[in-house]
C-alpha atoms as a PDB file:
ATOM      1  CA  UNK A   1     -25.206  11.786  16.988  1.00  0.00           C
ATOM      2  CA  UNK A   2     -28.243   9.581  16.967  1.00  0.00           C
ATOM      3  CA  UNK A   3     -29.878  10.689  13.701  1.00  0.00           C
ATOM      4  CA  UNK A   4     -28.587   9.504  10.321  1.00  0.00           C
ATOM      5  CA  UNK A   5     -26.690  12.346   8.706  1.00  0.00           C
ATOM      6  CA  UNK A   6     -26.595  14.430  11.889  1.00  0.00           C
ATOM      7  CA  UNK A   7     -23.812  17.002  11.896  1.00  0.00           C
ATOM      8  CA  UNK A   8     -21.525  16.503  14.856  1.00  0.00           C
ATOM      9  CA  UNK A   9     -19.484  19.689  14.904  1.00  0.00           C
ATOM     10  CA  UNK A  10     -21.735  22.215  13.218  1.00  0.00           C
ATOM     11  CA  UNK A  11     -25.413  21.965  14.175  1.00  0.00           C
ATOM     12  CA  UNK A  12     -27.592  23.479  11.464  1.00  0.00           C
ATOM     13  CA  UNK A  13     -24.752  23.682   8.920  1.00  0.00           C
ATOM     14  CA  UNK A  14     -25.088  22.082   5.517  1.00  0.00           C
ATOM     15  CA  UNK A  15     -23.049  19.067   4.448  1.00  0.00           C
ATOM     16  CA  UNK A  16     -21.081  21.338   2.098  1.00  0.00           C
ATOM     17  CA  UNK A  17     -19.605  23.264   5.046  1.00  0.00           C
ATOM     18  CA  UNK A  18     -15.821  22.739   5.019  1.00  0.00           C
ATOM     19  CA  UNK A  19     -14.824  20.437   7.853  1.00  0.00           C
ATOM     20  CA  UNK A  20     -18.375  19.215   8.376  1.00  0.00           C
ATOM     21  CA  UNK A  21     -18.747  15.762   9.871  1.00  0.00           C
ATOM     22  CA  UNK A  22     -21.784  13.552   9.389  1.00  0.00           C
ATOM     23  CA  UNK A  23     -22.601  10.352  11.193  1.00  0.00           C
ATOM     24  CA  UNK A  24     -25.034   7.600  10.295  1.00  0.00           C
ATOM     25  CA  UNK A  25     -25.805   5.708  13.474  1.00  0.00           C
ATOM     26  CA  UNK A  26     -27.500   2.787  11.717  1.00  0.00           C
ATOM     27  CA  UNK A  27     -24.348   1.884   9.772  1.00  0.00           C
ATOM     28  CA  UNK A  28     -21.683   3.305  12.104  1.00  0.00           C
ATOM     29  CA  UNK A  29     -20.314   5.393   9.229  1.00  0.00           C
ATOM     30  CA  UNK A  30     -18.720   8.769   9.886  1.00  0.00           C
ATOM     31  CA  UNK A  31     -18.011  11.022   6.911  1.00  0.00           C
ATOM     32  CA  UNK A  32     -15.610  13.941   6.904  1.00  0.00           C
ATOM     33  CA  UNK A  33     -16.548  16.488   4.214  1.00  0.00           C
ATOM     34  CA  UNK A  34     -13.828  18.747   2.772  1.00  0.00           C
ATOM     35  CA  UNK A  35     -15.197  20.060  -0.536  1.00  0.00           C
ATOM     36  CA  UNK A  36     -12.088  22.112  -1.362  1.00  0.00           C
ATOM     37  CA  UNK A  37      -9.605  19.298  -0.669  1.00  0.00           C
ATOM     38  CA  UNK A  38      -8.167  16.934  -3.317  1.00  0.00           C
ATOM     39  CA  UNK A  39     -10.193  14.152  -1.670  1.00  0.00           C
ATOM     40  CA  UNK A  40     -13.465  15.934  -0.818  1.00  0.00           C
ATOM     41  CA  UNK A  41     -14.960  13.165   1.320  1.00  0.00           C
ATOM     42  CA  UNK A  42     -13.509  10.498   3.579  1.00  0.00           C
ATOM     43  CA  UNK A  43     -15.610   7.741   5.141  1.00  0.00           C
ATOM     44  CA  UNK A  44     -14.768   5.943   8.370  1.00  0.00           C
ATOM     45  CA  UNK A  45     -16.539   2.832   9.660  1.00  0.00           C
ATOM     46  CA  UNK A  46     -16.783   2.149  13.392  1.00  0.00           C
ATOM     47  CA  UNK A  47     -17.905  -1.003  15.174  1.00  0.00           C
ATOM     48  CA  UNK A  48     -19.555   1.094  17.853  1.00  0.00           C
ATOM     49  CA  UNK A  49     -20.035   4.806  18.453  1.00  0.00           C
ATOM     50  CA  UNK A  50     -21.125   5.826  21.919  1.00  0.00           C
ATOM     51  CA  UNK A  51     -23.241   8.911  22.536  1.00  0.00           C
ATOM     52  CA  UNK A  52     -22.327  11.626  25.059  1.00  0.00           C
ATOM     53  CA  UNK A  53     -24.865  10.247  27.555  1.00  0.00           C
ATOM     54  CA  UNK A  54     -23.287   6.778  27.564  1.00  0.00           C
ATOM     55  CA  UNK A  55     -22.617   5.372  31.042  1.00  0.00           C
ATOM     56  CA  UNK A  56     -19.393   3.810  32.287  1.00  0.00           C
ATOM     57  CA  UNK A  57     -21.179   0.430  32.280  1.00  0.00           C
ATOM     58  CA  UNK A  58     -22.025   0.902  28.588  1.00  0.00           C
ATOM     59  CA  UNK A  59     -18.403   1.774  27.765  1.00  0.00           C
ATOM     60  CA  UNK A  60     -17.152  -1.265  29.672  1.00  0.00           C
ATOM     61  CA  UNK A  61     -19.612  -3.624  27.982  1.00  0.00           C
ATOM     62  CA  UNK A  62     -18.845  -2.197  24.535  1.00  0.00           C
ATOM     63  CA  UNK A  63     -15.078  -1.893  24.680  1.00  0.00           C
ATOM     64  CA  UNK A  64     -13.532  -3.770  27.595  1.00  0.00           C
ATOM     65  CA  UNK A  65     -15.615  -6.771  28.620  1.00  0.00           C
ATOM     66  CA  UNK A  66     -14.509  -8.942  25.674  1.00  0.00           C
ATOM     67  CA  UNK A  67     -10.850  -8.079  26.338  1.00  0.00           C
ATOM     68  CA  UNK A  68     -11.190  -9.210  29.962  1.00  0.00           C
ATOM     69  CA  UNK A  69     -12.896 -12.436  28.903  1.00  0.00           C
ATOM     70  CA  UNK A  70     -10.009 -13.154  26.500  1.00  0.00           C
ATOM     71  CA  UNK A  71      -7.454 -12.401  29.239  1.00  0.00           C
ATOM     72  CA  UNK A  72      -9.158 -15.011  31.402  1.00  0.00           C
ATOM     73  CA  UNK A  73      -8.655 -17.486  28.544  1.00  0.00           C
ATOM     74  CA  UNK A  74      -4.899 -16.841  28.561  1.00  0.00           C
ATOM     75  CA  UNK A  75      -4.503 -14.081  25.987  1.00  0.00           C
ATOM     76  CA  UNK A  76      -2.758 -10.774  26.616  1.00  0.00           C
ATOM     77  CA  UNK A  77      -5.128  -7.836  26.651  1.00  0.00           C
ATOM     78  CA  UNK A  78      -4.707  -4.103  26.247  1.00  0.00           C
ATOM     79  CA  UNK A  79      -7.192  -1.309  26.729  1.00  0.00           C
ATOM     80  CA  UNK A  80      -5.981   1.985  25.337  1.00  0.00           C
ATOM     81  CA  UNK A  81      -7.505   5.442  25.564  1.00  0.00           C
ATOM     82  CA  UNK A  82      -6.457   8.082  23.085  1.00  0.00           C
ATOM     83  CA  UNK A  83      -7.459  11.714  22.906  1.00  0.00           C
ATOM     84  CA  UNK A  84      -6.610  15.285  23.608  1.00  0.00           C
ATOM     85  CA  UNK A  85      -6.002  16.666  27.087  1.00  0.00           C
ATOM     86  CA  UNK A  86      -9.273  17.095  28.938  1.00  0.00           C
ATOM     87  CA  UNK A  87     -11.220  14.641  26.772  1.00  0.00           C
ATOM     88  CA  UNK A  88     -12.020  12.339  29.706  1.00  0.00           C
ATOM     89  CA  UNK A  89      -9.499   9.507  29.361  1.00  0.00           C
ATOM     90  CA  UNK A  90      -8.545   9.454  33.045  1.00  0.00           C
ATOM     91  CA  UNK A  91     -12.191   9.659  34.108  1.00  0.00           C
ATOM     92  CA  UNK A  92     -13.197   6.842  31.777  1.00  0.00           C
ATOM     93  CA  UNK A  93     -10.287   4.580  32.656  1.00  0.00           C
ATOM     94  CA  UNK A  94      -9.501   5.173  36.294  1.00  0.00           C
ATOM     95  CA  UNK A  95     -12.497   6.678  38.044  1.00  0.00           C
ATOM     96  CA  UNK A  96     -13.227   5.018  41.394  1.00  0.00           C
ATOM     97  CA  UNK A  97     -16.374   6.973  42.260  1.00  0.00           C
ATOM     98  CA  UNK A  98     -18.998   4.289  43.039  1.00  0.00           C
ATOM     99  CA  UNK A  99     -21.535   6.023  40.770  1.00  0.00           C
ATOM    100  CA  UNK A 100     -19.248   5.873  37.711  1.00  0.00           C
ATOM    101  CA  UNK A 101     -16.515   3.261  38.189  1.00  0.00           C
ATOM    102  CA  UNK A 102     -13.893   3.396  35.419  1.00  0.00           C
ATOM    103  CA  UNK A 103     -12.712   0.706  33.042  1.00  0.00           C
ATOM    104  CA  UNK A 104      -9.573  -0.295  34.974  1.00  0.00           C
ATOM    105  CA  UNK A 105     -11.316  -0.913  38.332  1.00  0.00           C
ATOM    106  CA  UNK A 106     -14.156  -2.760  36.547  1.00  0.00           C
ATOM    107  CA  UNK A 107     -11.748  -4.958  34.592  1.00  0.00           C
ATOM    108  CA  UNK A 108      -9.618  -5.710  37.648  1.00  0.00           C
ATOM    109  CA  UNK A 109     -12.713  -6.585  39.716  1.00  0.00           C
ATOM    110  CA  UNK A 110     -13.858  -8.961  36.977  1.00  0.00           C
ATOM    111  CA  UNK A 111     -10.418 -10.593  36.686  1.00  0.00           C
ATOM    112  CA  UNK A 112     -10.223 -11.260  40.430  1.00  0.00           C
ATOM    113  CA  UNK A 113     -13.856 -12.431  40.547  1.00  0.00           C
ATOM    114  CA  UNK A 114     -13.299 -14.890  37.668  1.00  0.00           C
ATOM    115  CA  UNK A 115     -10.011 -16.152  39.155  1.00  0.00           C
ATOM    116  CA  UNK A 116     -11.632 -16.707  42.536  1.00  0.00           C
ATOM    117  CA  UNK A 117     -14.527 -18.655  41.002  1.00  0.00           C
ATOM    118  CA  UNK A 118     -12.238 -20.887  38.900  1.00  0.00           C
ATOM    119  CA  UNK A 119     -11.381 -23.946  40.987  1.00  0.00           C
ATOM    120  CA  UNK A 120      -9.484 -25.640  38.122  1.00  0.00           C
ATOM    121  CA  UNK A 121      -6.691 -23.098  37.607  1.00  0.00           C
ATOM    122  CA  UNK A 122      -4.230 -21.121  39.708  1.00  0.00           C
ATOM    123  CA  UNK A 123      -3.773 -17.499  38.675  1.00  0.00           C
ATOM    124  CA  UNK A 124      -0.944 -15.039  39.103  1.00  0.00           C
ATOM    125  CA  UNK A 125      -2.044 -11.515  38.242  1.00  0.00           C
ATOM    126  CA  UNK A 126       0.558  -8.944  37.263  1.00  0.00           C
ATOM    127  CA  UNK A 127       0.042  -5.434  36.011  1.00  0.00           C
ATOM    128  CA  UNK A 128       2.006  -2.711  34.340  1.00  0.00           C
ATOM    129  CA  UNK A 129       0.846   0.845  33.963  1.00  0.00           C
ATOM    130  CA  UNK A 130       2.194   2.956  31.131  1.00  0.00           C
ATOM    131  CA  UNK A 131       1.468   6.220  29.421  1.00  0.00           C
ATOM    132  CA  UNK A 132       2.334   7.181  25.879  1.00  0.00           C
ATOM    133  CA  UNK A 133       2.776  10.938  25.776  1.00  0.00           C
ATOM    134  CA  UNK A 134       4.341  12.874  22.916  1.00  0.00           C
ATOM    135  CA  UNK A 135       5.396   9.535  21.411  1.00  0.00           C
ATOM    136  CA  UNK A 136       7.423   8.555  24.496  1.00  0.00           C
ATOM    137  CA  UNK A 137       6.431   5.541  26.575  1.00  0.00           C
ATOM    138  CA  UNK A 138       6.528   6.221  30.318  1.00  0.00           C
ATOM    139  CA  UNK A 139       6.398   3.545  33.023  1.00  0.00           C
ATOM    140  CA  UNK A 140       3.967   4.979  35.569  1.00  0.00           C
ATOM    141  CA  UNK A 141       4.953   2.397  38.206  1.00  0.00           C
ATOM    142  CA  UNK A 142       8.583   3.550  37.869  1.00  0.00           C
ATOM    143  CA  UNK A 143       8.295   7.176  36.706  1.00  0.00           C
ATOM    144  CA  UNK A 144      12.056   7.521  36.173  1.00  0.00           C
ATOM    145  CA  UNK A 145      11.821   4.902  33.393  1.00  0.00           C
ATOM    146  CA  UNK A 146      10.775   6.710  30.248  1.00  0.00           C
ATOM    147  CA  UNK A 147      11.115   6.205  26.528  1.00  0.00           C
ATOM    148  CA  UNK A 148      10.621   2.459  26.864  1.00  0.00           C
ATOM    149  CA  UNK A 149      10.948   0.538  23.615  1.00  0.00           C
ATOM    150  CA  UNK A 150       8.507  -1.856  21.962  1.00  0.00           C
ATOM    151  CA  UNK A 151      10.288  -5.064  20.971  1.00  0.00           C
ATOM    152  CA  UNK A 152       9.408  -8.380  19.358  1.00  0.00           C
ATOM    153  CA  UNK A 153      11.134 -11.738  19.413  1.00  0.00           C
ATOM    154  CA  UNK A 154      10.253 -15.397  18.923  1.00  0.00           C
ATOM    155  CA  UNK A 155      10.165 -16.188  22.666  1.00  0.00           C
ATOM    156  CA  UNK A 156       8.207 -13.202  23.986  1.00  0.00           C
ATOM    157  CA  UNK A 157       6.221 -12.001  20.983  1.00  0.00           C
ATOM    158  CA  UNK A 158       5.587  -8.253  21.145  1.00  0.00           C
ATOM    159  CA  UNK A 159       6.568  -6.741  24.494  1.00  0.00           C
ATOM    160  CA  UNK A 160       7.612  -3.508  26.139  1.00  0.00           C
ATOM    161  CA  UNK A 161      11.297  -3.755  27.066  1.00  0.00           C
ATOM    162  CA  UNK A 162      12.053  -2.691  30.629  1.00  0.00           C
ATOM    163  CA  UNK A 163       8.486  -2.115  31.768  1.00  0.00           C
ATOM    164  CA  UNK A 164       7.914  -2.855  35.431  1.00  0.00           C
ATOM    165  CA  UNK A 165       5.333  -5.537  36.238  1.00  0.00           C
ATOM    166  CA  UNK A 166       3.907  -5.771  39.718  1.00  0.00           C
ATOM    167  CA  UNK A 167       2.181  -8.861  41.089  1.00  0.00           C
ATOM    168  CA  UNK A 168      -1.180  -7.882  42.559  1.00  0.00           C
ATOM    169  CA  UNK A 169      -3.663  -9.819  44.674  1.00  0.00           C
ATOM    170  CA  UNK A 170      -6.591  -7.394  44.935  1.00  0.00           C
ATOM    171  CA  UNK A 171      -8.242  -4.360  43.382  1.00  0.00           C
ATOM    172  CA  UNK A 172      -6.849  -2.180  46.176  1.00  0.00           C
ATOM    173  CA  UNK A 173      -3.276  -3.181  45.265  1.00  0.00           C
ATOM    174  CA  UNK A 174      -3.936  -2.098  41.674  1.00  0.00           C
ATOM    175  CA  UNK A 175      -5.130   1.333  42.645  1.00  0.00           C
END
């Protein structure tokens, strides 16, 4: 992953191998090679690609920290993990092991720390917790509520109709 042109899924294979993937770490460009397909090469550009030895702190600083800072400025923020079963989404997001704290506990700690240090504003912190699985949106705070709908209107902007929001006052209440 760290060498320009390194093959991700087929070490030692040539670029002409069907399905081969190359990555150039200096530019953040990933190329999917399919020589027998109508479009034999597709390039993807990423802002940041993290290596397998990346720590939870690195993930937080790369992908979540800016979202939390914007939330503290009054914007809505969403952190989403996507991937196949067993890829590590739950570990990355929700881990509470002190040696590898996940993104949610880190973000919540930072939100409460910033709110406590701000003597000019009063904060009310609410949370919702959803899962999108097989294209259905499930409310994990109210598991009987499933297939929630995404809506948009002039008053609320984009929102999730019927999702439960819980007011929280500490990290422990969020977990």
